[in-house]
């Protein structure tokens, strides 16, 4: 057997058959198999392929291998050129489809919204327990409302899923839309918007405050002009009898604003030079007192004491630091004005409207209820009332109570008190341990009642009615008793001063003592918006002064050098100086 020649410079390997007679190149065998498969698909090439597959040279022809390889290369080139062009077009379509498919599956797009997820923000990368990835906001919305039949499942594999199984991912090499700068800018934009809204709100508040201050400034300027005119308009009326001790003029001196409002009543203690006024305290949501030192005319101090509106105040006639107050919260309280504390509370079954101290026994005080009853308390005993008396056939509120001292030789010689309701006036005289009541012969409706111990006169104020179209201020005197006097006459009218044509407010007048022997009656005329002063000695109106706010209470105060009339409205009280 003859050995076959081998070309070691070539990469082609040679295999020998089992007998060693035939030799086939390995590359040629593989090429022949490919040609057979091609000949089955492409017609017209079977002859060439068959000739190649049947090619089996002898060992003597092994040196002709380069020519055979060249023939094979030419045949393969022919097959490639003869293949149809349609296969190329189909290949391009297949590649495009694969690229499109890979575009949705390349891990950069959410399969719910078909948008790229981000590495921050609401659409950041998250996955379920099954391993599928979605945008966080999309999968949260899907599990909340996108599931069918109430079952929460994965949108891709339909496996059960829950919100607590959602996991956020932080991948370094994940292809995600970088929205960090955008989210930061959005945060900055939201911050700027909030700051802008706050600035706009502050600007609106500033504009509102400016407008309110301008309106208040205009009102104050107008009030100043009116008050400057007041001194010129406050002229003394001519009277038939000249009295050198009468008031010659009165002018506005000073005012104090009460911003909370709801002022109601005044009380003055000349021994302490202390003026108190009731008002509302919005901070404590209660009603209390404003203390005002009349010697230095300072700003008032404020102390809350009642839950509802205070209706009346009265200082103790001997213990000057003890102040009695009654309120609509169904209680009477004793307040220490020196230490600013409450040291006793007297509850009641009904709202209280009025109060006063007994001038005979200063341990007793009276309170008037909203049901027309008068209750007596003793500060030495418990908070329970000593006795209670009800006004016959009248259940209207008791607006005023005035204690009368004992004085032999006149009516109410053993002392007692006067009570004024909205519909009637009564005089009660002490009789042993009880009181005997007598109705006063005056027509209502009534506003208030005052008693002046110095002049021993009573001032009764009424509203207009059918018989009297004007409000009236009736000055009465407790007459002397004698054998010829009528026992049924307790208060004898001395003067009747005519006020305005209307009076809706329960405005309380007052008695103003002046130097000498005269006493003035000061009252607010609601229809005329003025403060009128009448002389009790002459019975004539001597002075009028404009009042620009509806007045509720009047109170005279004074010291050694000056005399003032305090006028209280719901939001301020003003001082008028008179001489």
Protein backbone atom coordinates (compact mmCIF):
# COMPACT_ATOMS: atom_id res chain seq x y z
CA UNK A 1 0.00 0.00 0.00
CA UNK A 2 1.35 3.30 -1.01
CA UNK A 3 1.47 6.17 1.50
CA UNK A 4 -0.53 9.28 0.77
CA UNK A 5 1.19 12.60 0.37
CA UNK A 6 0.23 15.32 2.87
CA UNK A 7 0.54 19.01 2.44
CA UNK A 8 1.34 20.28 5.97
CA UNK A 9 1.13 23.88 4.94
CA UNK A 10 -2.64 23.53 4.36
CA UNK A 11 -5.32 23.55 7.09
CA UNK A 12 -7.15 20.70 5.41
CA UNK A 13 -7.07 17.33 7.19
CA UNK A 14 -7.07 13.96 5.43
CA UNK A 15 -8.86 10.86 6.61
CA UNK A 16 -8.05 7.29 5.45
CA UNK A 17 -10.68 4.62 5.04
CA UNK A 18 -10.54 1.37 6.94
CA UNK A 19 -8.87 -0.44 4.10
CA UNK A 20 -6.50 2.39 3.35
CA UNK A 21 -7.51 2.44 -0.28
CA UNK A 22 -9.64 5.56 -0.43
CA UNK A 23 -8.89 9.00 0.98
CA UNK A 24 -11.43 11.92 1.49
CA UNK A 25 -10.74 15.37 2.62
CA UNK A 26 -12.74 16.30 5.75
CA UNK A 27 -13.54 19.69 4.37
CA UNK A 28 -14.68 18.18 1.10
CA UNK A 29 -17.05 15.81 2.93
CA UNK A 30 -18.70 18.57 4.83
CA UNK A 31 -19.01 20.61 1.67
CA UNK A 32 -20.59 17.66 -0.13
CA UNK A 33 -23.20 17.29 2.59
CA UNK A 34 -24.09 20.95 2.30
CA UNK A 35 -24.35 20.61 -1.46
CA UNK A 36 -26.74 17.69 -1.07
CA UNK A 37 -29.02 19.75 1.15
CA UNK A 38 -28.86 22.65 -1.31
CA UNK A 39 -29.61 20.39 -4.27
CA UNK A 40 -32.86 19.33 -2.62
CA UNK A 41 -34.04 22.95 -2.38
CA UNK A 42 -32.64 24.54 -5.57
CA UNK A 43 -33.45 22.89 -8.92
CA UNK A 44 -30.86 22.64 -11.66
CA UNK A 45 -27.97 22.01 -9.36
CA UNK A 46 -28.36 18.26 -8.85
CA UNK A 47 -25.85 17.33 -11.54
CA UNK A 48 -23.08 19.39 -10.09
CA UNK A 49 -23.82 18.21 -6.56
CA UNK A 50 -23.97 14.59 -7.69
CA UNK A 51 -20.67 14.89 -9.42
CA UNK A 52 -19.15 16.27 -6.29
CA UNK A 53 -20.60 13.64 -3.96
CA UNK A 54 -19.47 10.83 -6.25
CA UNK A 55 -16.02 12.22 -6.46
CA UNK A 56 -13.66 9.66 -4.91
CA UNK A 57 -10.09 9.95 -6.19
CA UNK A 58 -7.57 7.26 -5.69
CA UNK A 59 -4.49 7.56 -3.65
CA UNK A 60 -2.52 8.24 -6.73
CA UNK A 61 -4.56 11.35 -7.38
CA UNK A 62 -4.14 12.83 -3.91
CA UNK A 63 -1.78 15.44 -5.21
CA UNK A 64 -4.66 17.10 -7.15
CA UNK A 65 -6.41 18.39 -4.00
CA UNK A 66 -5.91 22.10 -4.78
CA UNK A 67 -7.79 21.82 -8.03
CA UNK A 68 -10.67 20.04 -6.32
CA UNK A 69 -10.89 22.73 -3.66
CA UNK A 70 -11.01 25.39 -6.35
CA UNK A 71 -13.87 23.60 -8.07
CA UNK A 72 -15.79 23.44 -4.82
CA UNK A 73 -15.35 27.13 -4.20
CA UNK A 74 -16.63 27.97 -7.67
CA UNK A 75 -19.68 25.77 -7.19
CA UNK A 76 -20.52 27.32 -3.82
CA UNK A 77 -20.20 30.82 -5.32
CA UNK A 78 -22.56 29.75 -8.10
CA UNK A 79 -25.11 28.55 -5.58
CA UNK A 80 -24.98 31.79 -3.61
CA UNK A 81 -25.47 33.86 -6.79
CA UNK A 82 -28.31 31.64 -8.01
CA UNK A 83 -30.31 31.90 -4.70
CA UNK A 84 -33.52 34.03 -5.05
CA UNK A 85 -33.62 37.64 -3.81
CA UNK A 86 -36.91 37.01 -1.99
CA UNK A 87 -35.09 35.29 0.81
CA UNK A 88 -33.14 38.50 1.44
CA UNK A 89 -36.35 40.54 1.80
CA UNK A 90 -37.85 38.01 4.19
CA UNK A 91 -34.72 38.14 6.24
CA UNK A 92 -34.93 41.92 6.60
CA UNK A 93 -38.55 41.71 7.78
CA UNK A 94 -37.64 39.06 10.31
CA UNK A 95 -34.80 41.22 11.63
CA UNK A 96 -37.09 44.25 11.99
CA UNK A 97 -39.68 42.20 13.88
CA UNK A 98 -37.01 40.85 16.15
CA UNK A 99 -35.71 44.35 16.78
CA UNK A 100 -39.22 45.63 17.60
CA UNK A 101 -39.78 42.71 19.91
CA UNK A 102 -36.46 43.30 21.58
CA UNK A 103 -37.36 47.00 21.96
CA UNK A 104 -40.27 46.12 24.28
CA UNK A 105 -38.34 43.37 26.05
CA UNK A 106 -35.01 45.11 26.46
CA UNK A 107 -35.79 46.07 30.11
CA UNK A 108 -36.23 49.79 29.51
CA UNK A 109 -40.00 50.11 29.13
CA UNK A 110 -42.97 49.53 31.43
CA UNK A 111 -45.35 46.98 29.93
CA UNK A 112 -48.40 48.77 31.40
CA UNK A 113 -47.97 52.31 30.11
CA UNK A 114 -45.31 51.52 27.44
CA UNK A 115 -43.18 54.34 28.79
CA UNK A 116 -39.61 54.17 29.98
CA UNK A 117 -39.27 53.86 33.71
CA UNK A 118 -36.94 56.04 35.71
CA UNK A 119 -34.50 55.64 38.55
CA UNK A 120 -36.34 58.19 40.73
CA UNK A 121 -39.76 59.69 41.11
CA UNK A 122 -43.15 58.02 40.89
CA UNK A 123 -42.30 55.89 37.84
CA UNK A 124 -39.18 54.34 39.30
CA UNK A 125 -38.33 50.70 38.68
CA UNK A 126 -40.21 48.16 40.80
CA UNK A 127 -41.10 44.49 40.59
CA UNK A 128 -43.55 41.93 41.92
CA UNK A 129 -42.78 38.63 43.60
CA UNK A 130 -43.00 36.87 40.23
CA UNK A 131 -40.04 38.94 38.98
CA UNK A 132 -41.67 41.14 36.34
CA UNK A 133 -40.70 44.79 36.28
CA UNK A 134 -43.03 47.79 36.01
CA UNK A 135 -43.15 51.44 36.83
CA UNK A 136 -44.05 51.91 40.51
CA UNK A 137 -47.02 54.21 39.90
CA UNK A 138 -48.35 51.94 37.13
CA UNK A 139 -48.28 48.73 39.15
CA UNK A 140 -49.81 50.48 42.15
CA UNK A 141 -52.64 51.78 39.97
CA UNK A 142 -53.01 48.35 38.35
CA UNK A 143 -53.33 46.52 41.66
CA UNK A 144 -55.75 49.14 42.92
CA UNK A 145 -58.18 49.37 40.01
CA UNK A 146 -56.93 47.38 37.04
CA UNK A 147 -57.47 43.86 38.38
CA UNK A 148 -60.50 41.87 37.24
CA UNK A 149 -63.07 40.26 39.55
CA UNK A 150 -61.37 41.77 42.56
CA UNK A 151 -58.31 39.51 42.17
CA UNK A 152 -54.97 41.28 42.17
CA UNK A 153 -52.67 39.62 39.65
CA UNK A 154 -49.54 40.37 37.67
CA UNK A 155 -50.31 41.99 34.27
CA UNK A 156 -47.86 39.66 32.47
CA UNK A 157 -47.99 36.22 34.11
CA UNK A 158 -51.37 36.54 35.86
CA UNK A 159 -49.89 35.36 39.13
CA UNK A 160 -51.46 36.57 42.34
CA UNK A 161 -49.88 39.73 43.65
CA UNK A 162 -50.24 42.10 46.57
CA UNK A 163 -49.16 45.66 47.18
CA UNK A 164 -46.85 44.73 50.01
CA UNK A 165 -44.90 42.49 47.62
CA UNK A 166 -43.84 45.43 45.47
CA UNK A 167 -40.11 46.05 45.68
CA UNK A 168 -38.14 49.06 44.50
CA UNK A 169 -34.85 48.45 42.69
CA UNK A 170 -31.66 50.42 42.38
CA UNK A 171 -29.65 49.02 39.45
CA UNK A 172 -26.42 50.57 38.23
CA UNK A 173 -26.49 49.10 34.71
CA UNK A 174 -30.23 49.17 34.21
CA UNK A 175 -31.31 51.13 31.18
CA UNK A 176 -33.66 53.70 32.77
CA UNK A 177 -34.63 57.25 32.06
CA UNK A 178 -32.64 59.56 34.31
CA UNK A 179 -35.23 61.93 35.77
CA UNK A 180 -33.29 63.09 38.81
CA UNK A 181 -32.77 66.57 37.43
CA UNK A 182 -36.35 66.77 36.26
CA UNK A 183 -37.68 65.65 39.64
CA UNK A 184 -35.41 68.11 41.40
CA UNK A 185 -36.64 70.89 39.15
CA UNK A 186 -40.24 69.83 39.82
CA UNK A 187 -39.57 69.98 43.54
CA UNK A 188 -38.03 73.40 43.17
CA UNK A 189 -41.02 74.49 41.09
CA UNK A 190 -43.44 73.27 43.76
CA UNK A 191 -41.44 75.08 46.41
CA UNK A 192 -41.48 78.29 44.41
CA UNK A 193 -45.23 77.92 43.84
CA UNK A 194 -45.84 77.47 47.56
CA UNK A 195 -43.70 80.48 48.35
CA UNK A 196 -45.56 82.44 45.71
CA UNK A 197 -48.92 81.45 47.20
CA UNK A 198 -47.73 82.42 50.67
CA UNK A 199 -46.49 85.76 49.41
CA UNK A 200 -49.78 86.36 47.61
CA UNK A 201 -51.67 85.51 50.80
CA UNK A 202 -49.48 87.83 52.85
CA UNK A 203 -49.93 90.54 50.25
CA UNK A 204 -53.71 90.11 50.39
CA UNK A 205 -53.63 90.31 54.17
CA UNK A 206 -51.43 93.37 54.05
CA UNK A 207 -53.76 95.03 51.56
CA UNK A 208 -56.75 94.19 53.76
CA UNK A 209 -55.03 95.53 56.86
CA UNK A 210 -54.03 98.65 54.97
CA UNK A 211 -57.60 99.20 53.84
CA UNK A 212 -58.93 98.65 57.35
CA UNK A 213 -56.35 100.99 58.80
CA UNK A 214 -57.18 103.61 56.21
CA UNK A 215 -60.86 103.30 57.04
CA UNK A 216 -60.08 103.51 60.75
CA UNK A 217 -57.86 106.52 60.13
CA UNK A 218 -60.64 108.21 58.18
CA UNK A 219 -63.10 107.48 60.98
CA UNK A 220 -60.69 108.82 63.58
CA UNK A 221 -60.10 111.96 61.56
CA UNK A 222 -63.82 112.44 61.18
CA UNK A 223 -64.34 111.81 64.88
CA UNK A 224 -61.59 114.29 65.70
CA UNK A 225 -63.23 116.94 63.56
CA UNK A 226 -66.58 116.23 65.17
CA UNK A 227 -65.09 116.38 68.64
CA UNK A 228 -63.37 119.64 67.84
CA UNK A 229 -66.76 120.95 66.83
CA UNK A 230 -68.24 119.56 70.03
CA UNK A 231 -66.65 122.22 72.21
CA UNK A 232 -68.19 124.91 70.06
CA UNK A 233 -71.59 123.22 69.98
CA UNK A 234 -71.73 122.47 73.71
CA UNK A 235 -73.31 125.74 74.80
CA UNK A 236 -75.21 126.47 77.91
CA UNK A 237 -78.95 126.86 77.55
CA UNK A 238 -80.49 130.02 78.98
CA UNK A 239 -82.51 129.43 82.10
CA UNK A 240 -84.90 131.68 83.90
CA UNK A 241 -82.93 131.63 87.13
CA UNK A 242 -79.21 132.04 86.98
CA UNK A 243 -77.29 129.65 89.22
CA UNK A 244 -73.54 130.22 89.60
CA UNK A 245 -73.03 126.62 90.69
CA UNK A 246 -74.52 125.05 87.54
CA UNK A 247 -72.49 123.47 84.75
CA UNK A 248 -71.46 126.09 82.21
CA UNK A 249 -69.91 123.86 79.54
CA UNK A 250 -68.87 120.30 78.85
CA UNK A 251 -66.43 118.99 76.26
CA UNK A 252 -64.89 115.76 75.13
CA UNK A 253 -61.70 114.90 77.01
CA UNK A 254 -60.48 111.40 76.11
CA UNK A 255 -61.67 108.03 74.85
CA UNK A 256 -60.52 104.43 75.27
CA UNK A 257 -61.19 101.74 72.68
CA UNK A 258 -62.35 98.25 73.66
CA UNK A 259 -61.61 96.05 70.64
CA UNK A 260 -63.40 92.94 71.92
CA UNK A 261 -66.62 94.85 72.52
CA UNK A 262 -69.78 93.74 74.36
CA UNK A 263 -69.41 96.35 77.09
CA UNK A 264 -72.50 96.72 79.26
CA UNK A 265 -72.20 98.44 82.65
CA UNK A 266 -70.00 100.86 84.65
CA UNK A 267 -69.25 101.13 88.36
CA UNK A 268 -67.16 103.74 90.19
CA UNK A 269 -65.53 103.76 93.63
CA UNK A 270 -64.59 107.29 94.64
CA UNK A 271 -62.53 106.12 97.63
CA UNK A 272 -60.20 104.08 95.42
CA UNK A 273 -60.57 106.35 92.35
CA UNK A 274 -61.33 103.15 90.50
CA UNK A 275 -63.62 102.78 87.49
CA UNK A 276 -64.62 99.31 86.27
CA UNK A 277 -66.44 98.33 83.09
CA UNK A 278 -67.71 94.95 81.91
CA UNK A 279 -66.54 93.60 78.57
CA UNK A 280 -65.91 90.42 76.57
CA UNK A 281 -62.54 88.61 76.42
CA UNK A 282 -62.18 86.54 73.23
CA UNK A 283 -58.93 84.94 74.41
CA UNK A 284 -60.64 83.33 77.42
CA UNK A 285 -64.08 83.20 75.75
CA UNK A 286 -65.55 84.80 78.84
CA UNK A 287 -66.68 88.15 80.25
CA UNK A 288 -64.78 90.17 82.78
CA UNK A 289 -63.79 93.57 84.10
CA UNK A 290 -61.59 96.41 82.92
CA UNK A 291 -60.04 98.33 85.83
CA UNK A 292 -59.27 101.97 85.20
CA UNK A 293 -57.41 104.27 87.58
CA UNK A 294 -59.00 107.70 87.17
CA UNK A 295 -56.13 109.52 88.93
CA UNK A 296 -53.57 108.83 86.22
CA UNK A 297 -55.94 107.95 83.34
CA UNK A 298 -53.94 104.88 82.38
CA UNK A 299 -54.91 101.98 80.16
CA UNK A 300 -57.30 99.56 81.85
CA UNK A 301 -56.36 96.17 83.32
CA UNK A 302 -58.52 93.20 82.33
CA UNK A 303 -59.71 90.21 84.39
CA UNK A 304 -62.21 87.52 83.27
CA UNK A 305 -64.78 86.42 85.89
CA UNK A 306 -68.01 85.24 84.15
CA UNK A 307 -68.87 82.89 81.31
CA UNK A 308 -71.72 85.04 79.96
CA UNK A 309 -72.57 88.73 79.76
CA UNK A 310 -72.32 90.78 82.94
CA UNK A 311 -75.51 92.74 83.59
CA UNK A 312 -74.74 94.80 86.72
CA UNK A 313 -71.94 95.80 89.11
CA UNK A 314 -72.01 97.27 92.64
CA UNK A 315 -69.23 98.20 95.09
CA UNK A 316 -69.62 97.38 98.79
CA UNK A 317 -70.57 100.55 100.75
CA UNK A 318 -67.91 99.91 103.46
CA UNK A 319 -65.44 97.35 102.12
CA UNK A 320 -64.25 99.32 99.13
CA UNK A 321 -62.25 96.47 97.59
CA UNK A 322 -65.29 94.18 97.33
CA UNK A 323 -67.22 94.26 94.06
CA UNK A 324 -70.49 92.42 93.42
CA UNK A 325 -71.25 91.27 89.87
CA UNK A 326 -74.22 89.41 88.36
CA UNK A 327 -74.34 87.70 84.99
CA UNK A 328 -76.54 85.79 82.61
CA UNK A 329 -74.56 82.65 83.53
CA UNK A 330 -76.89 82.32 86.58
CA UNK A 331 -74.36 83.35 89.19
CA UNK A 332 -73.40 86.27 91.40
CA UNK A 333 -69.73 86.67 92.35
CA UNK A 334 -67.74 88.70 94.86
CA UNK A 335 -64.52 89.99 93.32
CA UNK A 336 -61.55 91.39 95.23
CA UNK A 337 -60.36 94.35 93.16
CA UNK A 338 -57.21 94.73 95.28
CA UNK A 339 -55.93 91.18 94.73
CA UNK A 340 -57.81 90.51 91.49
CA UNK A 341 -59.45 87.28 92.58
CA UNK A 342 -62.90 85.79 93.12
CA UNK A 343 -63.54 84.75 96.72
CA UNK A 344 -67.24 83.79 96.64
CA UNK A 345 -69.79 82.51 94.12
CA UNK A 346 -73.57 82.50 94.59
CA UNK A 347 -75.39 80.28 92.07
CA UNK A 348 -78.95 80.94 90.95
CA UNK A 349 -81.69 79.08 89.11
CA UNK A 350 -82.20 81.88 86.56
CA UNK A 351 -80.06 84.47 84.75
CA UNK A 352 -79.39 87.55 86.87
CA UNK A 353 -79.98 91.10 85.63
CA UNK A 354 -79.36 93.51 88.52
CA UNK A 355 -77.84 93.82 92.00
CA UNK A 356 -77.27 96.21 94.92
CA UNK A 357 -76.01 96.24 98.52
CA UNK A 358 -78.24 96.85 101.53
CA UNK A 359 -77.34 100.19 103.11
CA UNK A 360 -78.83 99.27 106.51
CA UNK A 361 -77.17 95.86 106.92
CA UNK A 362 -74.12 95.82 104.66
CA UNK A 363 -73.79 92.04 104.98
CA UNK A 364 -76.83 91.66 102.75
CA UNK A 365 -77.17 92.15 99.02
CA UNK A 366 -80.01 91.78 96.52
CA UNK A 367 -80.05 90.30 93.03
CA UNK A 368 -82.81 90.54 90.43
CA UNK A 369 -83.57 87.58 88.18
CA UNK A 370 -84.90 87.31 84.64
CA UNK A 371 -88.21 85.94 86.00
CA UNK A 372 -89.15 89.02 88.02
CA UNK A 373 -87.92 87.75 91.42
CA UNK A 374 -85.64 89.50 93.93
CA UNK A 375 -83.31 87.29 96.01
CA UNK A 376 -81.49 88.31 99.20
CA UNK A 377 -78.11 86.81 100.18
CA UNK A 378 -76.01 87.13 103.34
CA UNK A 379 -72.24 87.02 102.88
CA UNK A 380 -71.74 85.71 106.44
CA UNK A 381 -73.53 82.46 105.72
CA UNK A 382 -73.71 79.92 102.94
CA UNK A 383 -74.33 80.64 99.32
CA UNK A 384 -78.00 79.74 99.68
CA UNK A 385 -80.42 82.71 99.54
CA UNK A 386 -81.92 84.13 102.74
CA UNK A 387 -85.28 84.79 101.13
CA UNK A 388 -86.90 85.30 97.76
CA UNK A 389 -89.76 87.57 96.75
CA UNK A 390 -91.63 87.47 93.45
CA UNK A 391 -93.22 90.47 91.78
CA UNK A 392 -97.00 89.97 91.66
CA UNK A 393 -98.40 89.43 88.15
CA UNK A 394 -95.09 90.35 86.52
CA UNK A 395 -92.43 87.90 85.39
CA UNK A 396 -90.36 90.34 83.33
CA UNK A 397 -86.64 90.78 84.17
CA UNK A 398 -85.69 93.01 87.09
CA UNK A 399 -83.58 95.68 85.37
CA UNK A 400 -82.64 97.76 88.46
CA UNK A 401 -82.58 97.52 92.25
CA UNK A 402 -81.86 100.46 94.58
CA UNK A 403 -81.51 100.16 98.36
CA UNK A 404 -83.22 102.84 100.52
CA UNK A 405 -81.76 103.72 103.95
CA UNK A 406 -83.91 103.95 107.03
CA UNK A 407 -85.07 107.47 107.86
CA UNK A 408 -87.86 108.19 110.34
CA UNK A 409 -90.34 110.85 109.34
CA UNK A 410 -90.64 109.92 105.64
CA UNK A 411 -91.87 107.08 103.52
CA UNK A 412 -89.95 103.81 103.75
CA UNK A 413 -88.90 104.92 107.23
CA UNK A 414 -87.56 101.47 108.16
CA UNK A 415 -85.60 101.22 104.96
CA UNK A 416 -86.00 98.79 102.10
CA UNK A 417 -85.39 98.80 98.40
CA UNK A 418 -86.92 99.78 95.06
CA UNK A 419 -87.18 97.24 92.23
CA UNK A 420 -87.79 98.09 88.60
CA UNK A 421 -88.86 95.49 86.04
CA UNK A 422 -89.55 96.06 82.37
CA UNK A 423 -93.26 96.49 83.09
CA UNK A 424 -93.60 97.82 86.65
CA UNK A 425 -91.87 99.54 89.59
CA UNK A 426 -92.17 98.40 93.20
CA UNK A 427 -91.18 99.71 96.62
CA UNK A 428 -90.43 97.17 99.38
CA UNK A 429 -90.25 98.31 103.02
CA UNK A 430 -88.66 96.20 105.71
CA UNK A 431 -91.10 94.83 108.26
CA UNK A 432 -89.47 92.63 110.92
CA UNK A 433 -88.02 89.71 108.92
CA UNK A 434 -90.13 90.33 105.82
CA UNK A 435 -90.80 93.01 103.24
CA UNK A 436 -94.05 94.67 102.25
CA UNK A 437 -94.31 95.64 98.57
CA UNK A 438 -96.20 98.52 96.97
CA UNK A 439 -96.43 99.23 93.25
CA UNK A 440 -95.46 102.74 92.16
CA UNK A 441 -98.07 104.57 90.02
CA UNK A 442 -96.01 105.06 86.84
CA UNK A 443 -96.53 103.81 83.31
CA UNK A 444 -93.85 101.75 81.61
CA UNK A 445 -92.13 100.20 79.88
CA UNK A 446 -89.25 100.98 82.23
CA UNK A 447 -85.53 101.14 81.54
CA UNK A 448 -83.79 101.74 84.87
CA UNK A 449 -84.06 103.17 88.37
CA UNK A 450 -81.49 105.16 90.39
CA UNK A 451 -81.42 106.48 93.97
CA UNK A 452 -79.26 109.42 95.11
CA UNK A 453 -78.58 109.32 98.83
CA UNK A 454 -77.23 112.89 98.96
CA UNK A 455 -80.35 114.51 97.55
CA UNK A 456 -82.75 111.73 98.60
CA UNK A 457 -84.20 111.63 95.08
CA UNK A 458 -85.18 108.73 92.84
CA UNK A 459 -84.69 108.76 89.06
CA UNK A 460 -86.98 106.52 87.00
CA UNK A 461 -86.51 106.25 83.21
CA UNK A 462 -89.14 104.97 80.80
CA UNK A 463 -89.42 104.27 77.11
CA UNK A 464 -91.94 105.91 74.78
CA UNK A 465 -95.43 104.38 74.85
CA UNK A 466 -98.89 105.04 73.45
CA UNK A 467 -99.69 107.79 75.94
CA UNK A 468 -96.21 109.35 75.96
CA UNK A 469 -94.44 109.45 72.56
CA UNK A 470 -91.16 110.52 74.19
CA UNK A 471 -88.85 108.80 76.62
CA UNK A 472 -89.19 110.22 80.12
CA UNK A 473 -86.84 110.71 83.05
CA UNK A 474 -88.96 111.12 86.18
CA UNK A 475 -87.34 112.63 89.26
CA UNK A 476 -89.18 111.66 92.45
CA UNK A 477 -88.74 112.53 96.09
CA UNK A 478 -89.53 110.38 99.10
CA UNK A 479 -92.10 112.62 100.84
CA UNK A 480 -92.22 113.39 104.52
CA UNK A 481 -94.90 111.65 106.50
CA UNK A 482 -97.37 113.48 108.68
CA UNK A 483 -100.87 113.11 109.93
CA UNK A 484 -102.24 114.72 106.77
CA UNK A 485 -100.05 112.85 104.26
CA UNK A 486 -101.37 110.03 102.11
CA UNK A 487 -99.92 106.67 103.12
CA UNK A 488 -100.16 105.31 99.57
CA UNK A 489 -97.83 107.97 98.12
CA UNK A 490 -94.30 106.62 98.41
CA UNK A 491 -92.56 108.54 95.60
CA UNK A 492 -93.77 112.01 94.72
CA UNK A 493 -92.78 113.22 91.20
CA UNK A 494 -90.79 116.46 91.19
CA UNK A 495 -89.68 116.82 87.55
CA UNK A 496 -90.35 114.92 84.35
CA UNK A 497 -87.70 115.49 81.68
CA UNK A 498 -88.57 114.68 78.10
CA UNK A 499 -86.06 112.69 76.05
CA UNK A 500 -85.98 111.39 72.49
CA UNK A 501 -88.73 109.82 70.45
CA UNK A 502 -87.18 106.35 70.39
CA UNK A 503 -85.11 104.21 72.73
CA UNK A 504 -84.26 100.69 71.61
CA UNK A 505 -81.28 100.26 73.93
CA UNK A 506 -81.56 99.84 77.68
CA UNK A 507 -79.47 102.96 78.16
CA UNK A 508 -79.10 103.86 81.83
CA UNK A 509 -79.08 107.57 82.84
CA UNK A 510 -77.38 108.86 85.98
CA UNK A 511 -77.51 111.59 88.61
CA UNK A 512 -74.55 113.98 88.48
CA UNK A 513 -73.73 115.97 91.64
CA UNK A 514 -72.12 119.37 91.11
CA UNK A 515 -70.53 121.90 93.44
CA UNK A 516 -73.18 123.55 95.54
CA UNK A 517 -76.65 122.21 96.08
CA UNK A 518 -77.64 121.28 92.54
CA UNK A 519 -77.83 117.81 91.00
CA UNK A 520 -77.99 117.13 87.28
CA UNK A 521 -79.73 114.39 85.36
CA UNK A 522 -77.63 113.06 82.46
CA UNK A 523 -79.28 110.86 79.84
CA UNK A 524 -78.54 109.67 76.33
CA UNK A 525 -81.11 110.66 73.71
CA UNK A 526 -81.03 107.89 71.13
CA UNK A 527 -83.11 109.61 68.47
CA UNK A 528 -81.09 112.85 68.72
CA UNK A 529 -77.69 111.18 69.32
CA UNK A 530 -76.86 113.61 72.11
CA UNK A 531 -76.19 113.62 75.83
CA UNK A 532 -78.63 115.92 77.59
CA UNK A 533 -78.18 117.46 81.06
CA UNK A 534 -81.08 118.77 83.13
CA UNK A 535 -80.90 120.72 86.36
CA UNK A 536 -82.99 119.37 89.23
CA UNK A 537 -83.05 122.76 90.95
CA UNK A 538 -84.47 124.60 87.94
CA UNK A 539 -86.10 121.73 86.08
CA UNK A 540 -84.63 122.94 82.78
CA UNK A 541 -82.28 121.45 80.22
CA UNK A 542 -78.99 123.29 80.56
CA UNK A 543 -76.65 121.50 78.18
CA UNK A 544 -76.49 119.13 75.22
CA UNK A 545 -73.42 117.40 73.89
CA UNK A 546 -73.19 115.28 70.71
CA UNK A 547 -72.63 111.55 71.13
CA UNK A 548 -71.40 109.76 68.03
CA UNK A 549 -71.86 106.20 69.29
CA UNK A 550 -74.92 104.55 70.88
CA UNK A 551 -74.43 104.82 74.65
CA UNK A 552 -75.43 102.12 77.12
CA UNK A 553 -74.40 103.56 80.49
CA UNK A 554 -73.39 106.90 82.02
CA UNK A 555 -71.41 107.36 85.22
CA UNK A 556 -70.02 110.52 86.91
CA UNK A 557 -66.48 110.42 88.29
CA UNK A 558 -64.29 113.12 89.78
CA UNK A 559 -61.49 114.16 92.06
CA UNK A 560 -60.44 117.30 93.83
CA UNK A 561 -59.60 119.20 90.65
CA UNK A 562 -61.72 117.80 87.82
CA UNK A 563 -65.13 116.29 87.16
CA UNK A 564 -65.89 113.89 84.33
CA UNK A 565 -68.85 112.11 82.86
CA UNK A 566 -68.03 108.64 81.52
CA UNK A 567 -70.11 107.51 78.53
CA UNK A 568 -69.96 103.79 77.74
CA UNK A 569 -70.72 102.25 74.35
CA UNK A 570 -70.34 98.64 73.28
CA UNK A 571 -66.74 99.13 72.06
CA UNK A 572 -65.42 102.22 73.84
CA UNK A 573 -65.92 104.59 76.73
CA UNK A 574 -65.34 108.32 76.54
CA UNK A 575 -64.62 110.93 79.19
CA UNK A 576 -66.39 114.30 79.03
CA UNK A 577 -65.01 117.09 81.16
CA UNK A 578 -67.50 119.53 82.65
CA UNK A 579 -67.18 122.59 84.90
